[in-house]
Amino acid sequence: MPFDINTLWEMITPLREIATLVSFGSFLGIVWWAWSKRRSNDFSEAANLPFQQD
């Protein structure tokens, strides 16, 4: 059976599409988590940490 690069490419393409969608979904989840109201107080405190005295 000869090796056909087109067949390999057709097999890999759906995996690349799935990986792209999973990565984009993860990105949106992180952005949603970071900008949620519940996290804003924690991030405000963390932003002021460099300015606190020991």
N, C-alpha and C. Protein backbone atom coordinates (compact mmCIF):
# COMPACT_ATOMS: atom_id res chain seq x y z
N MET A 1 0.85 -1.18 0.00
CA MET A 1 0.00 0.00 0.00
C MET A 1 0.89 1.24 0.00
N PRO A 2 0.80 2.05 -1.03
CA PRO A 2 1.65 3.25 -1.10
C PRO A 2 1.17 4.32 -0.11
N PHE A 3 2.13 5.11 0.35
CA PHE A 3 1.85 6.18 1.29
C PHE A 3 1.27 7.38 0.55
N ASP A 4 0.12 7.84 0.99
CA ASP A 4 -0.52 8.99 0.34
C ASP A 4 -0.65 10.12 1.36
N ILE A 5 0.03 11.21 1.10
CA ILE A 5 0.04 12.35 2.02
C ILE A 5 -1.33 12.98 2.13
N ASN A 6 -2.12 12.93 1.08
CA ASN A 6 -3.46 13.52 1.13
C ASN A 6 -4.36 12.78 2.11
N THR A 7 -4.24 11.47 2.16
CA THR A 7 -5.02 10.69 3.11
C THR A 7 -4.63 11.04 4.54
N LEU A 8 -3.34 11.18 4.78
CA LEU A 8 -2.87 11.57 6.11
C LEU A 8 -3.37 12.96 6.47
N TRP A 9 -3.32 13.87 5.54
CA TRP A 9 -3.78 15.24 5.79
C TRP A 9 -5.27 15.25 6.11
N GLU A 10 -6.06 14.42 5.40
CA GLU A 10 -7.50 14.35 5.65
C GLU A 10 -7.79 13.76 7.03
N MET A 11 -6.92 12.92 7.55
CA MET A 11 -7.11 12.35 8.87
C MET A 11 -6.72 13.34 9.96
N ILE A 12 -5.73 14.17 9.70
CA ILE A 12 -5.23 15.10 10.71
C ILE A 12 -6.10 16.35 10.80
N THR A 13 -6.72 16.77 9.72
CA THR A 13 -7.49 18.01 9.69
C THR A 13 -8.58 18.05 10.76
N PRO A 14 -9.40 17.03 10.95
CA PRO A 14 -10.42 17.11 12.02
C PRO A 14 -9.79 17.23 13.42
N LEU A 15 -8.65 16.59 13.63
CA LEU A 15 -7.98 16.71 14.92
C LEU A 15 -7.51 18.15 15.16
N ARG A 16 -7.02 18.78 14.13
CA ARG A 16 -6.59 20.18 14.24
C ARG A 16 -7.79 21.08 14.51
N GLU A 17 -8.92 20.81 13.89
CA GLU A 17 -10.12 21.61 14.12
C GLU A 17 -10.60 21.45 15.56
N ILE A 18 -10.60 20.24 16.06
CA ILE A 18 -11.02 19.98 17.44
C ILE A 18 -10.07 20.67 18.42
N ALA A 19 -8.77 20.57 18.17
CA ALA A 19 -7.79 21.22 19.04
C ALA A 19 -7.97 22.73 19.05
N THR A 20 -8.28 23.31 17.90
CA THR A 20 -8.52 24.75 17.82
C THR A 20 -9.75 25.15 18.62
N LEU A 21 -10.83 24.38 18.49
CA LEU A 21 -12.05 24.69 19.21
C LEU A 21 -11.87 24.54 20.72
N VAL A 22 -11.15 23.50 21.15
CA VAL A 22 -10.89 23.30 22.58
C VAL A 22 -10.03 24.43 23.12
N SER A 23 -9.02 24.83 22.37
CA SER A 23 -8.15 25.93 22.80
C SER A 23 -8.93 27.24 22.90
N PHE A 24 -9.76 27.51 21.93
CA PHE A 24 -10.56 28.74 21.95
C PHE A 24 -11.55 28.72 23.10
N GLY A 25 -12.17 27.57 23.34
CA GLY A 25 -13.09 27.45 24.48
C GLY A 25 -12.37 27.66 25.80
N SER A 26 -11.17 27.12 25.92
CA SER A 26 -10.38 27.33 27.14
C SER A 26 -10.03 28.80 27.32
N PHE A 27 -9.65 29.46 26.24
CA PHE A 27 -9.34 30.88 26.29
C PHE A 27 -10.55 31.68 26.76
N LEU A 28 -11.72 31.40 26.18
CA LEU A 28 -12.93 32.13 26.59
C LEU A 28 -13.27 31.85 28.05
N GLY A 29 -13.06 30.62 28.50
CA GLY A 29 -13.31 30.30 29.90
C GLY A 29 -12.40 31.06 30.84
N ILE A 30 -11.14 31.18 30.50
CA ILE A 30 -10.19 31.92 31.33
C ILE A 30 -10.55 33.41 31.35
N VAL A 31 -10.91 33.96 30.21
CA VAL A 31 -11.31 35.37 30.16
C VAL A 31 -12.56 35.59 30.99
N TRP A 32 -13.52 34.72 30.88
CA TRP A 32 -14.76 34.83 31.67
C TRP A 32 -14.45 34.75 33.16
N TRP A 33 -13.59 33.81 33.55
CA TRP A 33 -13.22 33.66 34.96
C TRP A 33 -12.50 34.90 35.47
N ALA A 34 -11.57 35.43 34.67
CA ALA A 34 -10.78 36.58 35.11
C ALA A 34 -11.61 37.85 35.24
N TRP A 35 -12.60 38.02 34.40
CA TRP A 35 -13.39 39.25 34.42
C TRP A 35 -14.70 39.12 35.19
N SER A 36 -14.92 38.00 35.86
CA SER A 36 -16.16 37.83 36.62
C SER A 36 -16.16 38.73 37.85
N LYS A 37 -17.32 39.15 38.27
CA LYS A 37 -17.47 40.03 39.43
C LYS A 37 -16.93 39.37 40.69
N ARG A 38 -17.08 38.07 40.78
CA ARG A 38 -16.65 37.35 41.96
C ARG A 38 -15.13 37.41 42.16
N ARG A 39 -14.37 37.55 41.08
CA ARG A 39 -12.91 37.58 41.16
C ARG A 39 -12.34 38.99 41.28
N SER A 40 -13.12 40.01 41.02
CA SER A 40 -12.59 41.38 40.97
C SER A 40 -11.97 41.81 42.30
N ASN A 41 -12.56 41.43 43.43
CA ASN A 41 -12.01 41.81 44.72
C ASN A 41 -10.64 41.16 44.94
N ASP A 42 -10.52 39.90 44.59
CA ASP A 42 -9.24 39.20 44.75
C ASP A 42 -8.15 39.85 43.88
N PHE A 43 -8.50 40.21 42.66
CA PHE A 43 -7.52 40.82 41.77
C PHE A 43 -7.16 42.23 42.22
N SER A 44 -8.11 42.95 42.80
CA SER A 44 -7.81 44.29 43.33
C SER A 44 -6.80 44.19 44.48
N GLU A 45 -6.99 43.22 45.35
CA GLU A 45 -6.05 43.01 46.44
C GLU A 45 -4.67 42.61 45.90
N ALA A 46 -4.65 41.73 44.93
CA ALA A 46 -3.37 41.28 44.36
C ALA A 46 -2.65 42.43 43.65
N ALA A 47 -3.41 43.34 43.05
CA ALA A 47 -2.78 44.47 42.36
C ALA A 47 -2.07 45.41 43.33
N ASN A 48 -2.53 45.45 44.56
CA ASN A 48 -1.92 46.35 45.54
C ASN A 48 -0.81 45.70 46.35
N LEU A 49 -0.54 44.44 46.17
CA LEU A 49 0.49 43.76 46.93
C LEU A 49 1.89 44.40 46.80
N PRO A 50 2.32 44.84 45.64
CA PRO A 50 3.66 45.45 45.55
C PRO A 50 3.81 46.73 46.37
N PHE A 51 2.69 47.39 46.68
CA PHE A 51 2.75 48.67 47.37
C PHE A 51 2.62 48.55 48.88
N GLN A 52 2.37 47.36 49.37
CA GLN A 52 2.23 47.16 50.82
C GLN A 52 3.60 47.10 51.47
N GLN A 53 3.68 47.63 52.67
CA GLN A 53 4.90 47.59 53.45
C GLN A 53 4.97 46.29 54.23
N ASP A 54 6.17 45.78 54.44
CA ASP A 54 6.34 44.54 55.20
C ASP A 54 6.07 44.75 56.66
